Amino acid sequence: MRRAAMPASVQSLPTNGHNQDVVPFGTQAALNALDLAKSVRWLHGSLA
C-alpha cells in the first residue's frame, strides 16, 4: 500500500500528437484507490 501511494494525478505526460498535452490520469488514481481500499479490508480482517 505504501509503495502504491504515489499520486497518479501529478504524472501528466503529453500524448495524442500534443492534442492531449496535459492529462490528469484520473482513471489510474481511481483504480489505485479501489485496489488500496481492498487492501485495507484485509488489514482490518487481520486485526479482527
All heavy atoms as atom14 arrays in JSON, in Angstrom:
{
  "sequence": "MRRAAMPASVQSLPTNGHNQDVVPFGTQAALNALDLAKSVRWLHGSLA",
  "atom14_mask": [
    [1, 1, 1, 1, 1, 1, 1, 1, 0, 0, 0, 0, 0, 0],
    [1, 1, 1, 1, 1, 1, 1, 1, 1, 1, 1, 0, 0, 0],
    [1, 1, 1, 1, 1, 1, 1, 1, 1, 1, 1, 0, 0, 0],
    [1, 1, 1, 1, 1, 0, 0, 0, 0, 0, 0, 0, 0, 0],
    [1, 1, 1, 1, 1, 0, 0, 0, 0, 0, 0, 0, 0, 0],
    [1, 1, 1, 1, 1, 1, 1, 1, 0, 0, 0, 0, 0, 0],
    [1, 1, 1, 1, 1, 1, 1, 0, 0, 0, 0, 0, 0, 0],
    [1, 1, 1, 1, 1, 0, 0, 0, 0, 0, 0, 0, 0, 0],
    [1, 1, 1, 1, 1, 1, 0, 0, 0, 0, 0, 0, 0, 0],
    [1, 1, 1, 1, 1, 1, 1, 0, 0, 0, 0, 0, 0, 0],
    [1, 1, 1, 1, 1, 1, 1, 1, 1, 0, 0, 0, 0, 0],
    [1, 1, 1, 1, 1, 1, 0, 0, 0, 0, 0, 0, 0, 0],
    [1, 1, 1, 1, 1, 1, 1, 1, 0, 0, 0, 0, 0, 0],
    [1, 1, 1, 1, 1, 1, 1, 0, 0, 0, 0, 0, 0, 0],
    [1, 1, 1, 1, 1, 1, 1, 0, 0, 0, 0, 0, 0, 0],
    [1, 1, 1, 1, 1, 1, 1, 1, 0, 0, 0, 0, 0, 0],
    [1, 1, 1, 1, 0, 0, 0, 0, 0, 0, 0, 0, 0, 0],
    [1, 1, 1, 1, 1, 1, 1, 1, 1, 1, 0, 0, 0, 0],
    [1, 1, 1, 1, 1, 1, 1, 1, 0, 0, 0, 0, 0, 0],
    [1, 1, 1, 1, 1, 1, 1, 1, 1, 0, 0, 0, 0, 0],
    [1, 1, 1, 1, 1, 1, 1, 1, 0, 0, 0, 0, 0, 0],
    [1, 1, 1, 1, 1, 1, 1, 0, 0, 0, 0, 0, 0, 0],
    [1, 1, 1, 1, 1, 1, 1, 0, 0, 0, 0, 0, 0, 0],
    [1, 1, 1, 1, 1, 1, 1, 0, 0, 0, 0, 0, 0, 0],
    [1, 1, 1, 1, 1, 1, 1, 1, 1, 1, 1, 0, 0, 0],
    [1, 1, 1, 1, 0, 0, 0, 0, 0, 0, 0, 0, 0, 0],
    [1, 1, 1, 1, 1, 1, 1, 0, 0, 0, 0, 0, 0, 0],
    [1, 1, 1, 1, 1, 1, 1, 1, 1, 0, 0, 0, 0, 0],
    [1, 1, 1, 1, 1, 0, 0, 0, 0, 0, 0, 0, 0, 0],
    [1, 1, 1, 1, 1, 0, 0, 0, 0, 0, 0, 0, 0, 0],
    [1, 1, 1, 1, 1, 1, 1, 1, 0, 0, 0, 0, 0, 0],
    [1, 1, 1, 1, 1, 1, 1, 1, 0, 0, 0, 0, 0, 0],
    [1, 1, 1, 1, 1, 0, 0, 0, 0, 0, 0, 0, 0, 0],
    [1, 1, 1, 1, 1, 1, 1, 1, 0, 0, 0, 0, 0, 0],
    [1, 1, 1, 1, 1, 1, 1, 1, 0, 0, 0, 0, 0, 0],
    [1, 1, 1, 1, 1, 1, 1, 1, 0, 0, 0, 0, 0, 0],
    [1, 1, 1, 1, 1, 0, 0, 0, 0, 0, 0, 0, 0, 0],
    [1, 1, 1, 1, 1, 1, 1, 1, 1, 0, 0, 0, 0, 0],
    [1, 1, 1, 1, 1, 1, 0, 0, 0, 0, 0, 0, 0, 0],
    [1, 1, 1, 1, 1, 1, 1, 0, 0, 0, 0, 0, 0, 0],
    [1, 1, 1, 1, 1, 1, 1, 1, 1, 1, 1, 0, 0, 0],
    [1, 1, 1, 1, 1, 1, 1, 1, 1, 1, 1, 1, 1, 1],
    [1, 1, 1, 1, 1, 1, 1, 1, 0, 0, 0, 0, 0, 0],
    [1, 1, 1, 1, 1, 1, 1, 1, 1, 1, 0, 0, 0, 0],
    [1, 1, 1, 1, 0, 0, 0, 0, 0, 0, 0, 0, 0, 0],
    [1, 1, 1, 1, 1, 1, 0, 0, 0, 0, 0, 0, 0, 0],
    [1, 1, 1, 1, 1, 1, 1, 1, 0, 0, 0, 0, 0, 0],
    [1, 1, 1, 1, 1, 0, 0, 0, 0, 0, 0, 0, 0, 0]
  ],
  "atom14_positions": [
    [[0.83, -1.21, 0.0], [0.0, 0.0, 0.0], [0.86, 1.25, 0.0], [0.58, 2.21, -0.73], [-0.92, 0.0, 1.22], [-2.0, -1.07, 1.19], [-3.0, -1.1, 2.7], [-3.95, 0.42, 2.5], [0.0, 0.0, 0.0], [0.0, 0.0, 0.0], [0.0, 0.0, 0.0], [0.0, 0.0, 0.0], [0.0, 0.0, 0.0], [0.0, 0.0, 0.0]],
    [[1.89, 1.25, 0.81], [2.76, 2.43, 0.87], [3.46, 2.66, -0.46], [3.59, 3.8, -0.92], [3.8, 2.25, 1.98], [3.22, 2.33, 3.38], [4.31, 2.06, 4.41], [3.83, 2.23, 5.78], [4.57, 1.99, 6.85], [5.82, 1.57, 6.72], [4.07, 2.17, 8.06], [0.0, 0.0, 0.0], [0.0, 0.0, 0.0], [0.0, 0.0, 0.0]],
    [[3.91, 1.59, -1.09], [4.59, 1.74, -2.39], [3.65, 2.27, -3.45], [4.08, 2.96, -4.38], [5.15, 0.38, -2.83], [6.34, -0.1, -2.0], [6.83, -1.48, -2.44], [7.18, -1.49, -3.84], [6.5, -2.18, -4.77], [5.44, -2.9, -4.44], [6.9, -2.16, -6.03], [0.0, 0.0, 0.0], [0.0, 0.0, 0.0], [0.0, 0.0, 0.0]],
    [[2.36, 1.95, -3.32], [1.38, 2.37, -4.33], [0.81, 3.76, -4.05], [-0.04, 4.22, -4.81], [0.24, 1.36, -4.38], [0.0, 0.0, 0.0], [0.0, 0.0, 0.0], [0.0, 0.0, 0.0], [0.0, 0.0, 0.0], [0.0, 0.0, 0.0], [0.0, 0.0, 0.0], [0.0, 0.0, 0.0], [0.0, 0.0, 0.0], [0.0, 0.0, 0.0]],
    [[1.28, 4.42, -3.01], [0.66, 5.68, -2.59], [1.14, 6.9, -3.38], [0.66, 8.0, -3.14], [0.9, 5.92, -1.1], [0.0, 0.0, 0.0], [0.0, 0.0, 0.0], [0.0, 0.0, 0.0], [0.0, 0.0, 0.0], [0.0, 0.0, 0.0], [0.0, 0.0, 0.0], [0.0, 0.0, 0.0], [0.0, 0.0, 0.0], [0.0, 0.0, 0.0]],
    [[2.05, 6.72, -4.33], [2.48, 7.84, -5.17], [1.29, 8.39, -5.95], [0.58, 7.64, -6.61], [3.55, 7.38, -6.15], [3.92, 8.4, -7.21], [4.71, 9.87, -6.55], [6.34, 9.23, -6.14], [0.0, 0.0, 0.0], [0.0, 0.0, 0.0], [0.0, 0.0, 0.0], [0.0, 0.0, 0.0], [0.0, 0.0, 0.0], [0.0, 0.0, 0.0]],
    [[1.03, 9.69, -5.87], [-0.13, 10.25, -6.59], [-0.04, 10.02, -8.1], [1.02, 10.2, -8.71], [-0.05, 11.74, -6.26], [0.74, 11.83, -4.99], [1.73, 10.71, -5.07], [0.0, 0.0, 0.0], [0.0, 0.0, 0.0], [0.0, 0.0, 0.0], [0.0, 0.0, 0.0], [0.0, 0.0, 0.0], [0.0, 0.0, 0.0], [0.0, 0.0, 0.0]],
    [[-1.14, 9.63, -8.68], [-1.21, 9.48, -10.14], [-1.45, 10.81, -10.83], [-1.04, 11.01, -11.97], [-2.31, 8.49, -10.51], [0.0, 0.0, 0.0], [0.0, 0.0, 0.0], [0.0, 0.0, 0.0], [0.0, 0.0, 0.0], [0.0, 0.0, 0.0], [0.0, 0.0, 0.0], [0.0, 0.0, 0.0], [0.0, 0.0, 0.0], [0.0, 0.0, 0.0]],
    [[-2.1, 11.74, -10.14], [-2.55, 12.97, -10.77], [-1.42, 13.94, -11.08], [-1.65, 14.97, -11.73], [-3.59, 13.67, -9.88], [-3.06, 13.94, -8.6], [0.0, 0.0, 0.0], [0.0, 0.0, 0.0], [0.0, 0.0, 0.0], [0.0, 0.0, 0.0], [0.0, 0.0, 0.0], [0.0, 0.0, 0.0], [0.0, 0.0, 0.0], [0.0, 0.0, 0.0]],
    [[-0.21, 13.65, -10.63], [0.93, 14.53, -10.95], [1.82, 13.93, -12.03], [2.9, 14.46, -12.31], [1.78, 14.81, -9.68], [0.94, 15.53, -8.64], [2.37, 13.54, -9.1], [0.0, 0.0, 0.0], [0.0, 0.0, 0.0], [0.0, 0.0, 0.0], [0.0, 0.0, 0.0], [0.0, 0.0, 0.0], [0.0, 0.0, 0.0], [0.0, 0.0, 0.0]],
    [[1.37, 12.85, -12.67], [2.2, 12.14, -13.64], [1.92, 12.55, -15.08], [2.17, 11.79, -16.01], [1.99, 10.63, -13.48], [2.16, 10.09, -12.08], [3.56, 10.26, -11.56], [4.52, 10.23, -12.33], [3.71, 10.43, -10.25], [0.0, 0.0, 0.0], [0.0, 0.0, 0.0], [0.0, 0.0, 0.0], [0.0, 0.0, 0.0], [0.0, 0.0, 0.0]],
    [[1.41, 13.73, -15.31], [0.97, 14.15, -16.64], [2.06, 13.94, -17.69], [3.22, 14.31, -17.5], [0.57, 15.63, -16.61], [0.15, 16.05, -17.88], [0.0, 0.0, 0.0], [0.0, 0.0, 0.0], [0.0, 0.0, 0.0], [0.0, 0.0, 0.0], [0.0, 0.0, 0.0], [0.0, 0.0, 0.0], [0.0, 0.0, 0.0], [0.0, 0.0, 0.0]],
    [[1.66, 13.35, -18.82], [2.54, 13.14, -19.97], [1.82, 13.61, -21.23], [0.66, 13.26, -21.43], [2.88, 11.66, -20.13], [3.77, 11.0, -19.06], [3.77, 9.49, -19.23], [5.19, 11.54, -19.17], [0.0, 0.0, 0.0], [0.0, 0.0, 0.0], [0.0, 0.0, 0.0], [0.0, 0.0, 0.0], [0.0, 0.0, 0.0], [0.0, 0.0, 0.0]],
    [[2.47, 14.37, -22.09], [1.82, 14.78, -23.34], [1.7, 13.6, -24.29], [2.58, 12.75, -24.37], [2.76, 15.86, -23.89], [4.1, 15.53, -23.29], [3.82, 14.95, -21.95], [0.0, 0.0, 0.0], [0.0, 0.0, 0.0], [0.0, 0.0, 0.0], [0.0, 0.0, 0.0], [0.0, 0.0, 0.0], [0.0, 0.0, 0.0], [0.0, 0.0, 0.0]],
    [[0.58, 13.53, -25.01], [0.35, 12.42, -25.94], [-0.62, 12.89, -27.02], [-0.99, 14.06, -27.06], [-0.2, 11.2, -25.19], [-0.26, 10.07, -26.06], [-1.57, 11.47, -24.6], [0.0, 0.0, 0.0], [0.0, 0.0, 0.0], [0.0, 0.0, 0.0], [0.0, 0.0, 0.0], [0.0, 0.0, 0.0], [0.0, 0.0, 0.0], [0.0, 0.0, 0.0]],
    [[-1.0, 11.97, -27.91], [-2.03, 12.25, -28.91], [-1.63, 13.42, -29.8], [-2.42, 14.31, -30.08], [-3.36, 12.5, -28.19], [-4.58, 12.42, -29.1], [-5.44, 13.29, -29.03], [-4.69, 11.4, -29.91], [0.0, 0.0, 0.0], [0.0, 0.0, 0.0], [0.0, 0.0, 0.0], [0.0, 0.0, 0.0], [0.0, 0.0, 0.0], [0.0, 0.0, 0.0]],
    [[-0.37, 13.4, -30.25], [0.11, 14.47, -31.1], [0.05, 15.82, -30.44], [-0.13, 16.85, -31.09], [0.0, 0.0, 0.0], [0.0, 0.0, 0.0], [0.0, 0.0, 0.0], [0.0, 0.0, 0.0], [0.0, 0.0, 0.0], [0.0, 0.0, 0.0], [0.0, 0.0, 0.0], [0.0, 0.0, 0.0], [0.0, 0.0, 0.0], [0.0, 0.0, 0.0]],
    [[0.23, 15.82, -29.12], [0.18, 17.04, -28.29], [-1.21, 17.69, -28.3], [-1.36, 18.82, -27.82], [1.27, 18.04, -28.68], [2.62, 17.64, -28.19], [3.16, 18.11, -27.01], [3.52, 16.76, -28.69], [4.36, 17.55, -26.82], [4.59, 16.73, -27.83], [0.0, 0.0, 0.0], [0.0, 0.0, 0.0], [0.0, 0.0, 0.0], [0.0, 0.0, 0.0]],
    [[-2.21, 16.97, -28.79], [-3.59, 17.42, -28.57], [-3.91, 17.29, -27.09], [-4.4, 18.21, -26.46], [-4.55, 16.57, -29.41], [-6.01, 16.84, -29.1], [-6.46, 17.98, -29.16], [-6.75, 15.79, -28.77], [0.0, 0.0, 0.0], [0.0, 0.0, 0.0], [0.0, 0.0, 0.0], [0.0, 0.0, 0.0], [0.0, 0.0, 0.0], [0.0, 0.0, 0.0]],
    [[-3.58, 16.14, -26.52], [-3.7, 15.94, -25.09], [-2.33, 16.23, -24.47], [-1.56, 15.31, -24.14], [-4.17, 14.52, -24.77], [-5.54, 14.19, -25.35], [-6.02, 12.8, -24.98], [-5.74, 12.29, -23.9], [-6.76, 12.18, -25.89], [0.0, 0.0, 0.0], [0.0, 0.0, 0.0], [0.0, 0.0, 0.0], [0.0, 0.0, 0.0], [0.0, 0.0, 0.0]],
    [[-2.01, 17.5, -24.33], [-0.66, 17.86, -23.87], [-0.57, 17.94, -22.35], [0.52, 18.06, -21.8], [-0.2, 19.18, -24.5], [-1.18, 20.32, -24.28], [-2.29, 20.09, -23.79], [-0.81, 21.47, -24.6], [0.0, 0.0, 0.0], [0.0, 0.0, 0.0], [0.0, 0.0, 0.0], [0.0, 0.0, 0.0], [0.0, 0.0, 0.0], [0.0, 0.0, 0.0]],
    [[-1.7, 17.87, -21.66], [-1.71, 17.75, -20.2], [-2.87, 16.81, -19.86], [-3.97, 16.96, -20.39], [-1.85, 19.12, -19.5], [-3.11, 19.84, -19.93], [-1.84, 18.95, -17.99], [0.0, 0.0, 0.0], [0.0, 0.0, 0.0], [0.0, 0.0, 0.0], [0.0, 0.0, 0.0], [0.0, 0.0, 0.0], [0.0, 0.0, 0.0], [0.0, 0.0, 0.0]],
    [[-2.6, 15.81, -19.03], [-3.63, 14.8, -18.71], [-3.64, 14.55, -17.2], [-2.63, 14.67, -16.52], [-3.38, 13.48, -19.47], [-3.45, 13.7, -20.96], [-2.06, 12.86, -19.08], [0.0, 0.0, 0.0], [0.0, 0.0, 0.0], [0.0, 0.0, 0.0], [0.0, 0.0, 0.0], [0.0, 0.0, 0.0], [0.0, 0.0, 0.0], [0.0, 0.0, 0.0]],
    [[-4.82, 14.19, -16.65], [-4.94, 14.04, -15.19], [-4.66, 12.65, -14.65], [-4.43, 12.47, -13.46], [-6.39, 14.42, -14.92], [-7.11, 14.07, -16.18], [-6.13, 14.27, -17.3], [0.0, 0.0, 0.0], [0.0, 0.0, 0.0], [0.0, 0.0, 0.0], [0.0, 0.0, 0.0], [0.0, 0.0, 0.0], [0.0, 0.0, 0.0], [0.0, 0.0, 0.0]],
    [[-4.71, 11.61, -15.51], [-4.57, 10.22, -15.05], [-5.55, 9.88, -13.93], [-5.22, 9.17, -12.99], [-3.13, 9.93, -14.62], [-2.18, 9.74, -15.76], [-1.13, 10.62, -15.97], [-2.34, 8.7, -16.65], [-0.26, 10.46, -17.04], [-1.48, 8.52, -17.73], [-0.44, 9.41, -17.93], [0.0, 0.0, 0.0], [0.0, 0.0, 0.0], [0.0, 0.0, 0.0]],
    [[-6.78, 10.39, -14.06], [-7.78, 10.12, -13.04], [-8.16, 8.66, -12.94], [-8.45, 8.16, -11.84], [0.0, 0.0, 0.0], [0.0, 0.0, 0.0], [0.0, 0.0, 0.0], [0.0, 0.0, 0.0], [0.0, 0.0, 0.0], [0.0, 0.0, 0.0], [0.0, 0.0, 0.0], [0.0, 0.0, 0.0], [0.0, 0.0, 0.0], [0.0, 0.0, 0.0]],
    [[-8.17, 7.96, -14.07], [-8.54, 6.54, -14.03], [-7.53, 5.74, -13.23], [-7.9, 4.87, -12.43], [-8.62, 5.97, -15.45], [-9.13, 6.97, -16.33], [-9.52, 4.75, -15.49], [0.0, 0.0, 0.0], [0.0, 0.0, 0.0], [0.0, 0.0, 0.0], [0.0, 0.0, 0.0], [0.0, 0.0, 0.0], [0.0, 0.0, 0.0], [0.0, 0.0, 0.0]],
    [[-6.24, 6.03, -13.42], [-5.22, 5.32, -12.65], [-5.32, 5.67, -11.17], [-5.16, 4.81, -10.3], [-3.83, 5.64, -13.2], [-3.6, 5.08, -14.59], [-2.14, 5.15, -15.03], [-1.25, 5.34, -14.21], [-1.91, 4.97, -16.32], [0.0, 0.0, 0.0], [0.0, 0.0, 0.0], [0.0, 0.0, 0.0], [0.0, 0.0, 0.0], [0.0, 0.0, 0.0]],
    [[-5.6, 6.93, -10.86], [-5.77, 7.32, -9.46], [-6.95, 6.57, -8.84], [-6.87, 6.09, -7.71], [-5.98, 8.83, -9.36], [0.0, 0.0, 0.0], [0.0, 0.0, 0.0], [0.0, 0.0, 0.0], [0.0, 0.0, 0.0], [0.0, 0.0, 0.0], [0.0, 0.0, 0.0], [0.0, 0.0, 0.0], [0.0, 0.0, 0.0], [0.0, 0.0, 0.0]],
    [[-8.05, 6.49, -9.58], [-9.25, 5.83, -9.05], [-9.03, 4.33, -8.88], [-9.43, 3.74, -7.86], [-10.43, 6.1, -9.98], [0.0, 0.0, 0.0], [0.0, 0.0, 0.0], [0.0, 0.0, 0.0], [0.0, 0.0, 0.0], [0.0, 0.0, 0.0], [0.0, 0.0, 0.0], [0.0, 0.0, 0.0], [0.0, 0.0, 0.0], [0.0, 0.0, 0.0]],
    [[-8.41, 3.69, -9.86], [-8.13, 2.26, -9.74], [-7.19, 1.97, -8.58], [-7.35, 0.97, -7.86], [-7.55, 1.73, -11.05], [-8.53, 1.58, -12.21], [-7.79, 1.35, -13.52], [-9.51, 0.44, -11.94], [0.0, 0.0, 0.0], [0.0, 0.0, 0.0], [0.0, 0.0, 0.0], [0.0, 0.0, 0.0], [0.0, 0.0, 0.0], [0.0, 0.0, 0.0]],
    [[-6.22, 2.84, -8.39], [-5.31, 2.68, -7.25], [-6.07, 2.8, -5.94], [-5.85, 2.01, -5.0], [-4.21, 3.74, -7.33], [-3.03, 3.44, -6.42], [-2.69, 2.28, -6.2], [-2.4, 4.46, -5.9], [0.0, 0.0, 0.0], [0.0, 0.0, 0.0], [0.0, 0.0, 0.0], [0.0, 0.0, 0.0], [0.0, 0.0, 0.0], [0.0, 0.0, 0.0]],
    [[-6.97, 3.76, -5.86], [-7.76, 3.92, -4.64], [-8.61, 2.69, -4.38], [-8.74, 2.24, -3.23], [-8.64, 5.17, -4.76], [0.0, 0.0, 0.0], [0.0, 0.0, 0.0], [0.0, 0.0, 0.0], [0.0, 0.0, 0.0], [0.0, 0.0, 0.0], [0.0, 0.0, 0.0], [0.0, 0.0, 0.0], [0.0, 0.0, 0.0], [0.0, 0.0, 0.0]],
    [[-9.2, 2.12, -5.43], [-10.03, 0.93, -5.25], [-9.18, -0.26, -4.82], [-9.57, -1.04, -3.93], [-10.78, 0.61, -6.54], [-11.77, -0.56, -6.48], [-12.83, -0.33, -5.41], [-12.42, -0.78, -7.84], [0.0, 0.0, 0.0], [0.0, 0.0, 0.0], [0.0, 0.0, 0.0], [0.0, 0.0, 0.0], [0.0, 0.0, 0.0], [0.0, 0.0, 0.0]],
    [[-8.01, -0.42, -5.41], [-7.11, -1.51, -5.01], [-6.73, -1.39, -3.54], [-6.75, -2.38, -2.8], [-5.83, -1.48, -5.86], [-6.05, -1.92, -7.29], [-7.1, -2.52, -7.58], [-5.16, -1.65, -8.13], [0.0, 0.0, 0.0], [0.0, 0.0, 0.0], [0.0, 0.0, 0.0], [0.0, 0.0, 0.0], [0.0, 0.0, 0.0], [0.0, 0.0, 0.0]],
    [[-6.39, -0.19, -3.11], [-5.94, 0.0, -1.73], [-7.1, -0.1, -0.75], [-6.91, -0.5, 0.4], [-5.2, 1.33, -1.59], [-3.92, 1.45, -2.44], [-3.15, 2.69, -2.06], [-3.04, 0.22, -2.3], [0.0, 0.0, 0.0], [0.0, 0.0, 0.0], [0.0, 0.0, 0.0], [0.0, 0.0, 0.0], [0.0, 0.0, 0.0], [0.0, 0.0, 0.0]],
    [[-8.3, 0.27, -1.2], [-9.47, 0.07, -0.34], [-9.69, -1.41, -0.07], [-10.1, -1.8, 1.03], [-10.71, 0.69, -1.0], [0.0, 0.0, 0.0], [0.0, 0.0, 0.0], [0.0, 0.0, 0.0], [0.0, 0.0, 0.0], [0.0, 0.0, 0.0], [0.0, 0.0, 0.0], [0.0, 0.0, 0.0], [0.0, 0.0, 0.0], [0.0, 0.0, 0.0]],
    [[-9.4, -2.26, -1.06], [-9.48, -3.7, -0.84], [-8.41, -4.16, 0.14], [-8.66, -5.01, 1.01], [-9.34, -4.45, -2.16], [-10.5, -4.22, -3.13], [-10.25, -4.93, -4.45], [-11.39, -4.68, -5.43], [-11.13, -5.33, -6.75], [0.0, 0.0, 0.0], [0.0, 0.0, 0.0], [0.0, 0.0, 0.0], [0.0, 0.0, 0.0], [0.0, 0.0, 0.0]],
    [[-7.2, -3.6, 0.02], [-6.11, -4.0, 0.91], [-6.4, -3.64, 2.36], [-6.09, -4.41, 3.27], [-4.8, -3.33, 0.46], [-4.37, -3.84, -0.79], [0.0, 0.0, 0.0], [0.0, 0.0, 0.0], [0.0, 0.0, 0.0], [0.0, 0.0, 0.0], [0.0, 0.0, 0.0], [0.0, 0.0, 0.0], [0.0, 0.0, 0.0], [0.0, 0.0, 0.0]],
    [[-6.99, -2.47, 2.59], [-7.25, -2.09, 3.98], [-8.33, -2.98, 4.59], [-8.34, -3.22, 5.8], [-7.59, -0.59, 4.09], [-9.07, -0.3, 3.82], [-7.22, -0.06, 5.47], [0.0, 0.0, 0.0], [0.0, 0.0, 0.0], [0.0, 0.0, 0.0], [0.0, 0.0, 0.0], [0.0, 0.0, 0.0], [0.0, 0.0, 0.0], [0.0, 0.0, 0.0]],
    [[-9.21, -3.52, 3.76], [-10.17, -4.52, 4.26], [-9.44, -5.74, 4.81], [-9.81, -6.29, 5.85], [-11.13, -4.97, 3.15], [-12.21, -4.0, 2.77], [-13.21, -4.67, 1.82], [-14.03, -5.66, 2.48], [-13.89, -6.98, 2.35], [-12.94, -7.48, 1.58], [-14.69, -7.81, 2.98], [0.0, 0.0, 0.0], [0.0, 0.0, 0.0], [0.0, 0.0, 0.0]],
    [[-8.4, -6.19, 4.07], [-7.64, -7.35, 4.56], [-6.95, -7.03, 5.87], [-6.88, -7.87, 6.77], [-6.59, -7.76, 3.53], [-7.12, -8.15, 2.2], [-8.37, -8.64, 1.91], [-6.42, -8.1, 0.95], [-8.5, -8.89, 0.57], [-7.31, -8.56, -0.05], [-5.14, -7.71, 0.57], [-6.95, -8.65, -1.39], [-4.78, -7.79, -0.76], [-5.68, -8.24, -1.73]],
    [[-6.43, -5.81, 5.98], [-5.77, -5.43, 7.22], [-6.76, -5.4, 8.39], [-6.44, -5.86, 9.5], [-5.09, -4.07, 7.06], [-3.81, -4.09, 6.22], [-3.34, -2.67, 5.91], [-2.7, -4.85, 6.94], [0.0, 0.0, 0.0], [0.0, 0.0, 0.0], [0.0, 0.0, 0.0], [0.0, 0.0, 0.0], [0.0, 0.0, 0.0], [0.0, 0.0, 0.0]],
    [[-7.93, -4.89, 8.17], [-8.94, -4.9, 9.23], [-9.38, -6.32, 9.54], [-9.64, -6.66, 10.7], [-10.13, -4.03, 8.85], [-9.85, -2.57, 8.95], [-10.35, -1.63, 8.08], [-9.1, -1.87, 9.84], [-9.93, -0.43, 8.42], [-9.17, -0.55, 9.49], [0.0, 0.0, 0.0], [0.0, 0.0, 0.0], [0.0, 0.0, 0.0], [0.0, 0.0, 0.0]],
    [[-9.49, -7.17, 8.52], [-9.8, -8.57, 8.76], [-8.71, -9.25, 9.58], [-9.01, -10.05, 10.48], [0.0, 0.0, 0.0], [0.0, 0.0, 0.0], [0.0, 0.0, 0.0], [0.0, 0.0, 0.0], [0.0, 0.0, 0.0], [0.0, 0.0, 0.0], [0.0, 0.0, 0.0], [0.0, 0.0, 0.0], [0.0, 0.0, 0.0], [0.0, 0.0, 0.0]],
    [[-7.46, -8.92, 9.3], [-6.34, -9.48, 10.07], [-6.41, -9.03, 11.53], [-6.21, -9.82, 12.46], [-5.01, -9.02, 9.46], [-4.9, -9.45, 8.11], [0.0, 0.0, 0.0], [0.0, 0.0, 0.0], [0.0, 0.0, 0.0], [0.0, 0.0, 0.0], [0.0, 0.0, 0.0], [0.0, 0.0, 0.0], [0.0, 0.0, 0.0], [0.0, 0.0, 0.0]],
    [[-6.68, -7.73, 11.73], [-6.8, -7.21, 13.09], [-7.97, -7.87, 13.82], [-7.87, -8.21, 15.01], [-6.99, -5.69, 13.03], [-7.22, -4.97, 14.36], [-6.07, -5.21, 15.34], [-7.41, -3.47, 14.12], [0.0, 0.0, 0.0], [0.0, 0.0, 0.0], [0.0, 0.0, 0.0], [0.0, 0.0, 0.0], [0.0, 0.0, 0.0], [0.0, 0.0, 0.0]],
    [[-9.07, -8.08, 13.13], [-10.24, -8.71, 13.75], [-9.93, -10.14, 14.17], [-10.37, -10.6, 15.24], [-11.43, -8.67, 12.8], [0.0, 0.0, 0.0], [0.0, 0.0, 0.0], [0.0, 0.0, 0.0], [0.0, 0.0, 0.0], [0.0, 0.0, 0.0], [0.0, 0.0, 0.0], [0.0, 0.0, 0.0], [0.0, 0.0, 0.0], [0.0, 0.0, 0.0]]
  ]
}
